Amino acid sequence: MESRRSRTWSLVTPAHWIVWTVVLFIVTIALGLLAKALPALRLEGLDAAVNRVNSPLLDNAALLLDRLDSPVIVAVILLIVFVVLLLAVGWRRALGACVTAGAGWLTTLVVKTVVAQPRPSTGGLTHLLHISPATLSYPSGHVVFATALVAALVMVCRGPRSRTIVLIVGAVFVLAVGWSRLYVGVHYGTDVVGGVLNGVAGALLIAGLWNLATRGRSERTANE
């Protein structure tokens, strides 16, 4: 029989999640607009510095991570996450985590449109990987997805040990994705920082709305 714990719909969010969401989105957009107006804040040249330390192995790693925001790849990742979480925490929270990660990632489209920061030039790179980005620069959509995914996984953790493990492994993953975006030279340093902020904000927003939308179902299953 399915345990009561596995039948809950709710994700773990801060008590004042809406406040944190608004603050984080304001900070994210403000950082982007400031970096657009003041080039010194963009950490220009950081991508070229990272790009100078290159090798075939690093090329392959960066190009692999470059596929991370493809809709097909995102769908495959979320499907895998759902199957793993289905076995660990039940289908309800597994679905909530996938919705949080996927929809949280899509919030970057709003921030990109508001800030409208063009991509940096790849002319200063010493090791060009021939990537032709077609979207706006701020924030990094790859980093937004990686961060939103990690945040969603943290939200299904009920114990401090599992939460700590997810945070540590997730931080390494987010840092690797951020490094890859600088390595291929398609983002400023502030795009990576903004990606982390946007990812957390988007995940909090969607998770909070998920909990509100499923509150009645959670109460009914708790009483069964």
Protein backbone atom coordinates (compact mmCIF):
# COMPACT_ATOMS: atom_id res chain seq x y z
CA MET A 1 0.00 0.00 0.00
CA GLU A 2 1.21 3.48 -0.81
CA SER A 3 2.42 5.26 2.32
CA ARG A 4 0.77 8.50 3.44
CA ARG A 5 4.13 10.25 3.13
CA SER A 6 4.44 9.34 -0.55
CA ARG A 7 0.90 10.57 -1.20
CA THR A 8 1.56 14.19 -0.30
CA TRP A 9 1.59 16.75 -3.09
CA SER A 10 3.43 19.55 -1.33
CA LEU A 11 6.99 20.68 -1.97
CA VAL A 12 9.17 22.24 0.71
CA THR A 13 9.19 26.03 0.30
CA PRO A 14 9.97 28.95 2.62
CA ALA A 15 7.09 30.24 4.72
CA HIS A 16 7.19 33.60 2.91
CA TRP A 17 7.94 32.19 -0.53
CA ILE A 18 6.08 34.92 -2.39
CA VAL A 19 8.20 37.62 -0.73
CA TRP A 20 11.42 35.80 -1.59
CA THR A 21 10.18 35.29 -5.15
CA VAL A 22 9.41 38.97 -5.70
CA VAL A 23 12.70 40.10 -4.13
CA LEU A 24 14.75 37.66 -6.20
CA PHE A 25 13.06 38.62 -9.46
CA ILE A 26 13.58 42.31 -8.69
CA VAL A 27 17.26 41.72 -7.92
CA THR A 28 17.64 39.59 -11.06
CA ILE A 29 16.16 42.21 -13.37
CA ALA A 30 17.92 45.09 -11.61
CA LEU A 31 21.29 43.36 -12.00
CA GLY A 32 20.64 42.80 -15.69
CA LEU A 33 19.58 46.38 -16.34
CA LEU A 34 22.54 47.77 -14.38
CA ALA A 35 24.98 45.52 -16.25
CA LYS A 36 23.45 46.61 -19.54
CA ALA A 37 23.78 50.30 -18.63
CA LEU A 38 27.23 49.99 -16.99
CA PRO A 39 29.52 47.69 -18.99
CA ALA A 40 32.00 47.54 -16.10
CA LEU A 41 29.46 45.47 -14.15
CA ARG A 42 29.25 42.77 -16.81
CA LEU A 43 32.58 41.20 -15.82
CA GLU A 44 33.69 41.56 -19.43
CA GLY A 45 36.79 39.55 -20.23
CA LEU A 46 35.94 36.77 -17.78
CA ASP A 47 34.75 34.59 -20.64
CA ALA A 48 38.01 35.14 -22.54
CA ALA A 49 40.05 34.31 -19.42
CA VAL A 50 38.12 31.07 -18.91
CA ASN A 51 38.34 30.26 -22.62
CA ARG A 52 42.15 30.55 -22.63
CA VAL A 53 42.44 27.45 -20.44
CA ASN A 54 41.24 24.95 -23.03
CA SER A 55 41.73 21.35 -24.08
CA PRO A 56 39.88 18.77 -26.20
CA LEU A 57 38.41 17.28 -23.01
CA LEU A 58 37.10 20.65 -21.87
CA ASP A 59 35.77 21.32 -25.38
CA ASN A 60 33.73 18.12 -25.29
CA ALA A 61 32.41 18.87 -21.80
CA ALA A 62 31.40 22.43 -22.75
CA LEU A 63 29.71 21.32 -25.97
CA LEU A 64 27.84 18.58 -24.11
CA LEU A 65 26.54 21.08 -21.54
CA ASP A 66 25.68 23.47 -24.38
CA ARG A 67 22.78 21.15 -25.27
CA LEU A 68 21.26 21.56 -21.83
CA ASP A 69 18.59 24.09 -22.78
CA SER A 70 17.35 22.24 -25.85
CA PRO A 71 13.62 21.52 -25.32
CA VAL A 72 14.15 17.88 -26.26
CA ILE A 73 17.08 17.46 -23.86
CA VAL A 74 15.16 19.24 -21.09
CA ALA A 75 12.20 16.92 -21.65
CA VAL A 76 14.44 13.84 -21.47
CA ILE A 77 16.11 15.10 -18.28
CA LEU A 78 12.77 15.81 -16.64
CA LEU A 79 11.46 12.39 -17.64
CA ILE A 80 14.48 10.73 -16.04
CA VAL A 81 14.06 12.87 -12.92
CA PHE A 82 10.37 11.91 -12.74
CA VAL A 83 11.13 8.19 -12.93
CA VAL A 84 13.82 8.41 -10.24
CA LEU A 85 11.66 10.53 -7.92
CA LEU A 86 8.65 8.33 -8.60
CA LEU A 87 10.48 5.50 -6.87
CA ALA A 88 11.86 7.70 -4.11
CA VAL A 89 9.04 10.08 -3.10
CA GLY A 90 5.95 9.07 -5.08
CA TRP A 91 4.45 10.36 -8.31
CA ARG A 92 2.80 13.44 -6.81
CA ARG A 93 5.95 15.15 -5.59
CA ALA A 94 7.87 13.78 -8.59
CA LEU A 95 5.42 15.57 -10.87
CA GLY A 96 5.64 18.72 -8.74
CA ALA A 97 9.42 18.75 -8.96
CA CYS A 98 9.38 18.35 -12.75
CA VAL A 99 6.76 21.08 -13.18
CA THR A 100 8.79 23.35 -10.90
CA ALA A 101 12.04 22.77 -12.80
CA GLY A 102 10.50 23.06 -16.26
CA ALA A 103 8.22 26.03 -15.68
CA GLY A 104 10.83 27.69 -13.45
CA TRP A 105 13.24 27.51 -16.38
CA LEU A 106 10.71 29.15 -18.72
CA THR A 107 10.56 32.26 -16.51
CA THR A 108 13.91 33.22 -18.02
CA LEU A 109 12.07 34.20 -21.20
CA VAL A 110 10.39 37.03 -19.32
CA VAL A 111 13.64 38.27 -17.78
CA LYS A 112 15.48 38.06 -21.11
CA THR A 113 12.75 40.10 -22.79
CA VAL A 114 12.74 42.78 -20.08
CA VAL A 115 16.54 43.19 -19.95
CA ALA A 116 17.23 42.58 -23.67
CA GLN A 117 21.01 42.32 -23.27
CA PRO A 118 22.83 41.40 -26.54
CA ARG A 119 25.38 38.60 -26.54
CA PRO A 120 29.08 39.39 -26.02
CA SER A 121 31.34 39.35 -29.05
CA THR A 122 33.43 36.23 -29.55
CA GLY A 123 36.14 38.26 -31.27
CA GLY A 124 38.37 38.26 -28.19
CA LEU A 125 38.35 34.49 -27.75
CA THR A 126 41.56 32.61 -28.42
CA HIS A 127 39.77 29.29 -28.83
CA LEU A 128 36.56 29.66 -30.79
CA LEU A 129 34.15 26.71 -30.73
CA HIS A 130 31.96 28.11 -33.53
CA ILE A 131 28.79 28.42 -31.51
CA SER A 132 26.30 30.90 -32.89
CA PRO A 133 23.86 31.90 -30.13
CA ALA A 134 20.55 33.21 -31.40
CA THR A 135 18.93 34.42 -28.20
CA LEU A 136 19.54 37.27 -25.78
CA SER A 137 22.38 37.09 -23.27
CA TYR A 138 20.99 37.89 -19.81
CA PRO A 139 20.47 35.68 -17.94
CA SER A 140 21.99 32.38 -19.04
CA GLY A 141 19.10 30.04 -19.77
CA HIS A 142 21.37 27.04 -19.23
CA VAL A 143 22.21 28.22 -15.72
CA VAL A 144 18.56 29.04 -15.02
CA PHE A 145 17.52 25.48 -15.87
CA ALA A 146 20.36 23.90 -13.90
CA THR A 147 19.54 26.02 -10.86
CA ALA A 148 15.78 25.49 -11.11
CA LEU A 149 16.35 21.74 -11.39
CA VAL A 150 18.56 21.64 -8.31
CA ALA A 151 16.11 23.82 -6.38
CA ALA A 152 13.23 21.51 -7.33
CA LEU A 153 15.17 18.47 -6.15
CA VAL A 154 15.94 20.19 -2.85
CA MET A 155 12.22 20.88 -2.43
CA VAL A 156 11.35 17.17 -2.44
CA CYS A 157 13.96 16.33 0.19
CA ARG A 158 12.47 15.83 3.63
CA GLY A 159 15.63 15.08 5.62
CA PRO A 160 18.69 17.30 6.23
CA ARG A 161 21.13 14.65 5.00
CA SER A 162 19.49 14.18 1.60
CA ARG A 163 19.05 17.94 1.27
CA THR A 164 22.74 18.55 1.98
CA ILE A 165 23.82 15.93 -0.56
CA VAL A 166 21.56 17.41 -3.24
CA LEU A 167 22.81 20.92 -2.48
CA ILE A 168 26.48 19.93 -2.73
CA VAL A 169 26.12 17.88 -5.91
CA GLY A 170 23.76 20.48 -7.36
CA ALA A 171 26.16 23.34 -6.64
CA VAL A 172 28.91 21.52 -8.51
CA PHE A 173 26.52 20.95 -11.43
CA VAL A 174 25.46 24.61 -11.56
CA LEU A 175 29.09 25.76 -11.38
CA ALA A 176 29.99 23.40 -14.23
CA VAL A 177 27.17 24.77 -16.38
CA GLY A 178 28.17 28.35 -15.56
CA TRP A 179 31.79 27.58 -16.46
CA SER A 180 30.71 26.06 -19.79
CA ARG A 181 28.79 29.20 -20.79
CA LEU A 182 31.87 31.35 -20.16
CA TYR A 183 34.15 28.80 -21.83
CA VAL A 184 32.27 28.95 -25.12
CA GLY A 185 32.18 32.74 -24.85
CA VAL A 186 28.46 33.32 -25.23
CA HIS A 187 27.80 34.99 -21.87
CA TYR A 188 29.09 37.68 -19.55
CA GLY A 189 29.90 36.82 -15.95
CA THR A 190 26.77 38.64 -14.77
CA ASP A 191 24.68 36.40 -17.04
CA VAL A 192 25.77 33.42 -14.94
CA VAL A 193 25.02 35.21 -11.66
CA GLY A 194 21.67 36.33 -13.01
CA GLY A 195 20.96 32.76 -14.12
CA VAL A 196 21.36 31.48 -10.56
CA LEU A 197 19.10 34.23 -9.19
CA ASN A 198 16.49 33.65 -11.89
CA GLY A 199 16.60 29.89 -11.41
CA VAL A 200 15.92 30.13 -7.68
CA ALA A 201 13.22 32.77 -8.17
CA GLY A 202 11.49 30.77 -10.89
CA ALA A 203 11.57 27.55 -8.87
CA LEU A 204 10.16 29.30 -5.79
CA LEU A 205 7.38 30.89 -7.83
CA ILE A 206 6.25 27.66 -9.48
CA ALA A 207 6.65 25.53 -6.34
CA GLY A 208 4.62 28.02 -4.32
CA LEU A 209 1.86 28.04 -6.93
CA TRP A 210 2.00 24.24 -7.10
CA ASN A 211 1.45 24.00 -3.34
CA LEU A 212 -1.46 26.43 -3.55
CA ALA A 213 -3.04 24.55 -6.45
CA THR A 214 -2.71 21.14 -4.76
CA ARG A 215 -3.51 22.17 -1.18
CA GLY A 216 -7.00 20.69 -1.31
CA ARG A 217 -5.73 17.41 -2.71
CA SER A 218 -3.03 17.23 -0.04
CA GLU A 219 -5.62 17.71 2.71
CA ARG A 220 -7.89 15.03 1.26
CA THR A 221 -5.11 12.45 0.91
CA ALA A 222 -3.89 13.23 4.43
CA ASN A 223 -7.35 12.38 5.80
CA GLU A 224 -7.72 9.13 3.88
